[in-house]
Structures are given as C-alpha cells and as structure tokens.
Protein backbone atom coordinates (compact mmCIF):
# COMPACT_ATOMS: atom_id res chain seq x y z
CA MET A 1 24.03 -35.00 -29.79
CA LYS A 2 26.80 -37.57 -30.28
CA LYS A 3 29.21 -35.61 -28.05
CA SER A 4 26.66 -35.24 -25.28
CA LYS A 5 25.94 -38.96 -25.45
CA ILE A 6 29.64 -39.76 -25.05
CA ILE A 7 29.92 -37.35 -22.11
CA ILE A 8 26.96 -39.03 -20.41
CA LYS A 9 28.48 -42.47 -21.00
CA THR A 10 31.82 -41.26 -19.63
CA ILE A 11 30.49 -40.02 -16.31
CA PHE A 12 27.57 -42.45 -15.96
CA TRP A 13 29.35 -45.47 -14.50
CA PRO A 14 31.44 -43.71 -11.84
CA VAL A 15 28.34 -41.69 -10.88
CA LEU A 16 26.30 -44.90 -10.73
CA LEU A 17 28.88 -46.28 -8.33
CA TRP A 18 28.47 -43.23 -6.06
CA ILE A 19 24.67 -43.36 -6.28
CA GLY A 20 24.66 -47.01 -5.22
CA GLN A 21 26.69 -46.27 -2.09
CA PHE A 22 24.61 -43.18 -1.30
CA ALA A 23 21.32 -45.05 -1.76
CA ILE A 24 22.32 -47.73 0.76
CA SER A 25 23.55 -45.09 3.22
CA PHE A 26 20.36 -43.08 2.85
CA LEU A 27 18.09 -46.10 3.35
CA LEU A 28 20.06 -47.12 6.42
CA PHE A 29 19.80 -43.58 7.76
CA LEU A 30 16.01 -43.58 7.31
CA PHE A 31 15.78 -46.95 9.06
CA PHE A 32 18.00 -45.79 11.93
CA ALA A 33 16.07 -42.52 12.32
CA SER A 34 12.76 -44.40 12.47
CA LYS A 35 14.11 -46.57 15.27
CA HIS A 36 15.41 -43.56 17.24
CA PRO A 37 12.72 -40.85 16.94
CA ALA A 38 14.05 -39.02 20.00
CA LEU A 39 17.35 -38.23 18.26
CA GLU A 40 17.60 -35.15 16.05
CA GLY A 41 20.22 -33.09 14.22
CA GLN A 42 23.84 -33.63 15.23
CA ALA A 43 22.89 -36.14 17.90
CA LEU A 44 21.25 -38.33 15.25
CA THR A 45 24.19 -37.98 12.87
CA LYS A 46 26.69 -38.79 15.62
CA ALA A 47 24.76 -41.87 16.72
CA PHE A 48 24.34 -43.03 13.12
CA ALA A 49 28.10 -43.18 12.40
CA PRO A 50 28.90 -46.28 14.53
CA PHE A 51 25.66 -47.92 13.37
CA ILE A 52 26.53 -47.72 9.67
CA GLU A 53 29.93 -49.29 10.37
CA THR A 54 28.14 -52.38 11.67
CA GLN A 55 26.21 -52.56 8.39
CA ALA A 56 29.30 -52.55 6.17
CA TYR A 57 28.47 -56.05 4.99
CA LEU A 58 25.48 -54.63 3.08
CA PHE A 59 27.80 -52.45 0.98
CA LEU A 60 30.09 -55.44 0.41
CA LEU A 61 27.22 -57.68 -0.70
CA TRP A 62 25.71 -55.01 -2.96
CA ASN A 63 29.02 -54.19 -4.64
CA THR A 64 30.08 -57.82 -5.02
CA LEU A 65 26.82 -59.41 -6.14
CA ILE A 66 25.23 -56.54 -8.09
CA PHE A 67 27.75 -53.94 -9.25
CA LEU A 68 30.82 -56.11 -9.89
CA PRO A 69 29.21 -58.41 -12.53
CA ILE A 70 27.51 -55.43 -14.22
CA PHE A 71 30.66 -53.29 -14.40
CA TYR A 72 32.79 -56.23 -15.55
CA ARG A 73 30.42 -57.16 -18.37
CA LYS A 74 30.20 -53.52 -19.46
CA TYR A 75 33.99 -53.14 -19.59
CA LYS A 76 34.35 -56.39 -21.57
CA LYS A 77 32.14 -54.91 -24.32
CA TYR A 78 34.94 -52.48 -25.21
CA LYS A 79 37.11 -55.46 -26.20
CA VAL A 80 40.26 -53.79 -24.93
CA GLY A 81 43.24 -56.04 -25.50
CA ASN A 82 45.06 -57.11 -22.35
CA ASN A 83 48.76 -57.90 -22.53
CA GLY A 84 49.96 -60.60 -20.19
CA ILE A 85 51.63 -59.64 -16.91
CA GLY A 86 54.12 -61.92 -15.22
CA LYS A 87 55.48 -62.21 -11.70
CA GLY A 88 58.33 -59.84 -12.56
CA ASP A 89 55.83 -57.24 -13.74
CA ILE A 90 53.86 -57.54 -10.50
CA VAL A 91 57.05 -57.04 -8.48
CA SER A 92 57.89 -53.93 -10.55
CA ILE A 93 54.36 -52.58 -10.02
CA LEU A 94 54.53 -53.04 -6.26
CA LEU A 95 58.05 -51.65 -5.98
CA LEU A 96 56.83 -48.48 -7.69
CA ALA A 97 53.53 -47.96 -5.91
CA LEU A 98 54.01 -49.16 -2.34
CA PRO A 99 56.85 -46.80 -1.31
CA LEU A 100 54.78 -43.87 -2.59
CA CYS A 101 51.71 -45.20 -0.78
CA VAL A 102 53.54 -45.35 2.56
CA SER A 103 55.18 -41.96 1.98
CA LEU A 104 51.85 -40.26 1.28
CA ASN A 105 50.09 -41.93 4.21
CA LEU A 106 52.82 -40.83 6.59
CA ILE A 107 52.96 -37.22 5.44
CA LEU A 108 49.20 -36.73 5.01
CA SER A 109 48.55 -38.12 8.49
CA LEU A 110 50.21 -34.93 9.78
CA PHE A 111 47.26 -32.96 8.39
CA THR A 112 44.52 -35.25 9.67
CA GLN A 113 42.84 -33.80 12.73
CA ASN A 114 40.96 -35.73 15.39
CA ALA A 115 42.04 -39.04 13.90
CA VAL A 116 40.77 -42.12 15.75
CA LYS A 117 42.51 -45.48 15.68
CA PRO A 118 40.25 -47.81 13.65
CA THR A 119 38.93 -51.17 14.77
CA PHE A 120 39.89 -54.08 12.54
CA SER A 121 37.07 -55.44 10.38
CA ILE A 122 37.44 -58.08 7.70
CA ILE A 123 34.33 -56.65 6.01
CA ILE A 124 35.87 -53.17 5.77
CA LEU A 125 39.13 -54.69 4.54
CA LEU A 126 37.36 -56.61 1.77
CA SER A 127 35.24 -53.58 0.84
CA THR A 128 37.98 -50.95 0.71
CA GLY A 129 40.92 -53.23 -0.04
CA VAL A 130 39.52 -55.55 -2.71
CA ILE A 131 36.04 -54.93 -4.13
CA GLY A 132 36.27 -51.12 -4.03
CA PRO A 133 39.52 -50.98 -6.05
CA ILE A 134 38.21 -53.42 -8.66
CA LEU A 135 35.04 -51.36 -9.18
CA GLU A 136 36.94 -48.08 -9.31
CA GLU A 137 39.39 -49.40 -11.89
CA LEU A 138 36.61 -50.82 -14.07
CA SER A 139 34.54 -47.63 -13.85
CA PHE A 140 37.25 -44.92 -14.05
CA ARG A 141 40.31 -46.29 -15.84
CA GLY A 142 38.18 -48.83 -17.65
CA ILE A 143 34.79 -47.69 -18.95
CA ALA A 144 35.10 -43.92 -18.41
CA LEU A 145 38.60 -43.80 -19.92
CA GLU A 146 37.55 -45.69 -23.05
CA GLU A 147 34.55 -43.39 -23.52
CA SER A 148 36.58 -40.21 -22.93
CA LYS A 149 39.10 -41.29 -25.61
CA LYS A 150 36.28 -41.05 -28.17
CA LEU A 151 35.89 -37.35 -27.42
CA LEU A 152 39.33 -36.20 -26.23
CA SER A 153 42.92 -36.71 -27.22
CA LYS A 154 44.66 -39.48 -25.30
CA LYS A 155 46.58 -36.95 -23.17
CA ASN A 156 43.45 -34.94 -22.32
CA ALA A 157 41.54 -38.14 -21.57
CA TYR A 158 44.25 -39.09 -19.08
CA ILE A 159 44.05 -35.68 -17.41
CA PHE A 160 40.26 -35.75 -17.27
CA ILE A 161 40.04 -39.26 -15.77
CA THR A 162 42.75 -38.51 -13.21
CA LEU A 163 40.96 -35.35 -12.04
CA PHE A 164 37.57 -37.05 -12.18
CA PHE A 165 38.86 -39.84 -9.95
CA ALA A 166 40.54 -37.42 -7.53
CA PHE A 167 37.46 -35.24 -7.04
CA SER A 168 35.26 -38.26 -6.46
CA HIS A 169 36.87 -38.37 -3.01
CA GLN A 170 36.06 -36.19 -0.02
CA GLY A 171 38.38 -33.82 1.83
CA ILE A 172 41.55 -32.08 0.68
CA THR A 173 43.93 -34.81 1.86
CA GLN A 174 41.90 -37.59 0.22
CA ILE A 175 41.59 -35.64 -3.04
CA PHE A 176 45.34 -35.05 -3.13
CA TYR A 177 46.05 -38.69 -2.27
CA ALA A 178 43.66 -39.91 -4.99
CA LEU A 179 45.17 -37.47 -7.49
CA VAL A 180 48.68 -38.82 -6.96
CA MET A 181 47.82 -42.51 -6.65
CA GLY A 182 45.26 -42.28 -9.45
CA SER A 183 48.05 -41.01 -11.72
CA ILE A 184 50.14 -44.05 -10.78
CA PHE A 185 47.25 -46.45 -11.40
CA LEU A 186 46.71 -44.91 -14.83
CA PHE A 187 50.43 -45.02 -15.63
CA ILE A 188 50.56 -48.71 -14.72
CA LYS A 189 47.39 -49.55 -16.65
CA GLU A 190 48.67 -47.87 -19.80
CA LYS A 191 52.25 -49.12 -19.43
CA TYR A 192 51.24 -52.76 -19.20
CA LYS A 193 48.16 -52.36 -21.44
CA ASN A 194 46.25 -54.41 -18.90
CA ILE A 195 43.63 -53.20 -16.44
CA ASN A 196 44.48 -56.14 -14.20
CA ALA A 197 47.86 -54.51 -13.54
CA ALA A 198 46.10 -51.39 -12.21
CA ILE A 199 43.68 -53.54 -10.20
CA ILE A 200 46.54 -55.44 -8.54
CA CYS A 201 48.28 -52.16 -7.76
CA HIS A 202 45.12 -50.52 -6.41
CA ILE A 203 44.25 -53.51 -4.21
CA SER A 204 47.79 -53.61 -2.81
CA VAL A 205 47.82 -49.87 -2.10
CA ASN A 206 44.41 -49.82 -0.41
CA THR A 207 45.16 -52.92 1.65
CA LEU A 208 48.50 -51.50 2.80
CA SER A 209 46.85 -48.16 3.62
CA TYR A 210 44.23 -49.93 5.70
CA PHE A 211 46.84 -51.71 7.83
CA LEU A 212 48.96 -48.56 8.08
CA SER A 213 46.00 -46.72 9.62
CA PHE A 214 46.42 -48.82 12.78
CA PHE A 215 49.95 -47.50 13.36
CA LEU A 216 49.96 -43.91 12.09
CA LEU A 217 48.83 -42.38 15.39
CA SER A 218 51.68 -44.02 17.31
CA ILE A 219 54.48 -42.81 14.99
CA SER A 220 56.30 -39.62 15.97
CA ILE A 221 56.20 -36.62 13.65
CA PRO A 222 59.99 -36.43 12.97
CA TYR A 223 60.05 -40.14 12.14
CA LYS A 224 57.06 -39.73 9.79
CA ILE A 225 58.78 -36.90 7.94
CA PHE A 226 62.11 -38.72 7.70
CA VAL A 227 60.68 -42.04 6.46
CA SER A 228 58.25 -40.28 4.13
CA CYS A 229 61.07 -38.32 2.45
CA LEU A 230 63.24 -41.43 2.22
CA LEU A 231 60.49 -43.48 0.59
CA PHE A 232 59.60 -40.66 -1.79
CA VAL A 233 63.20 -40.49 -3.01
CA LEU A 234 63.09 -44.28 -3.49
CA PHE A 235 59.86 -43.91 -5.48
CA VAL A 236 61.39 -41.22 -7.74
CA LEU A 237 64.43 -43.41 -8.45
CA ILE A 238 62.25 -46.43 -9.30
CA LEU A 239 59.93 -44.32 -11.44
CA HIS A 240 62.90 -42.86 -13.33
CA LYS A 241 64.24 -46.35 -13.97
CA GLN A 242 60.87 -47.63 -15.20
CA LEU A 243 60.31 -44.59 -17.44
CA LYS A 244 63.66 -45.27 -19.12
CA LYS A 245 62.41 -48.74 -20.03
CA THR A 246 59.18 -47.48 -21.66
C-alpha cells in the first residue's frame, strides 16, 4: 500500500498539469463546436486550431494564478535545501545548455514536415518560455523526483524522471528533444542542488527555441548541419570541463 501511494504521488502532479491543459482545451473545443454547428470532423478540427491560439491567454492565466501557487507550495513542503547560485554559475549553466539547444533545434528541424513560420505572440512566449518551464521543473524535477527517490535508488529515480518527462511530449522529435534537454535540466538541478538553476536553464532554452522557430525555415540544410555539429562539439567540450569540476 505504501509503495502504491508513493507511485501515485510521483505521477500525480505532472498528470495534473496535463489534465489542466486538456480540460481548458476540451472546454474551448465544446464552446467552439457549439458556435459552429455546421462544421464536422476534420473541418471542425482544422478551424479550431487557429481559434485556440487566440485563447492562449486563458492557459497563461490558469497556469499562473491557479497552478503555479499550488505547485510551488507543494514543492516547498519537501524542504529541499537550495544552495546559492551566483552570476558565474548562471553563465556556466547557459554556456552548457544553449549551444546544445541551438544544435538540437537546427538538426531536428530537418525532420519536421509541413512546418509553418509562427506568428509572434507575447502570450505564447510567456506561456512556453516562462510559466511552462517553471511548472515543469516544479512538477517533474521537483515533486515527482523527490517522491520517486523514496521508492527507487537515486540513479533509477533520475532515469525514471527523465523518461517520464520525455514521454510527456508529443511526436518523435519532441520526445527526443525533451529526453536530451531533460537530462541537462536534471544534471544542472542536481549539480547546483538548486531547482532555481534548472528553472533558469529551462526558461532560457525554451525562450531561445521560441525565437529560433522564426528563422529555422529560412536556413539552408547544409548550414544547419554544419552549425549544429559545431555547436554540439562545443557542448561536449563544455560538458567535459564541467564534469571534471564535479
């Protein structure tokens, strides 16, 4: 009974995060369908896509005003000690993560079909670049990680949380991207013993990825491959240097 309770606690908060987003999407879909009774099937789904983008502020408000305080208070109950992080630490974090972020975005864009250049939205930027990363860090590498450590060895807990985070995303490219970057977020969180380090890293990565999405379609394939390989080598060298210090 105790093990099952820990398992439920481990998966509950990330699942709650998904359910919240799904619930808003579903309610918006029902509202949209009621206003457009003539649309059915694929036509309804296709017409709904641009509509939900205009309602992004609802997700932002829900996550900021409802979920963020709840998840933060829950994580604080674990009383996990946070070491201080200075400006030099932040620079080291960004030097490690951002080259890998750009490298992955460039190379994975080669496998993205029918990509459409996005339209800039401050609401989307705040949702995916700020609030989303904070909630994901609190739920996955915060609450879920602390609960999983009660049941698994530290190493197995790391593996479980990394895979759990990766498969919470949709599509092969997104799962792979989340698997790699999730590993980096976890490495940074555990290295600095401070979830704020992972939050800073995650916010920076998501924000950079958002702005990169406006340019990926205009970059030639050879240039993408060349720059991606160059940045990946840079990442490996920085990672090797940081691992030597741990």
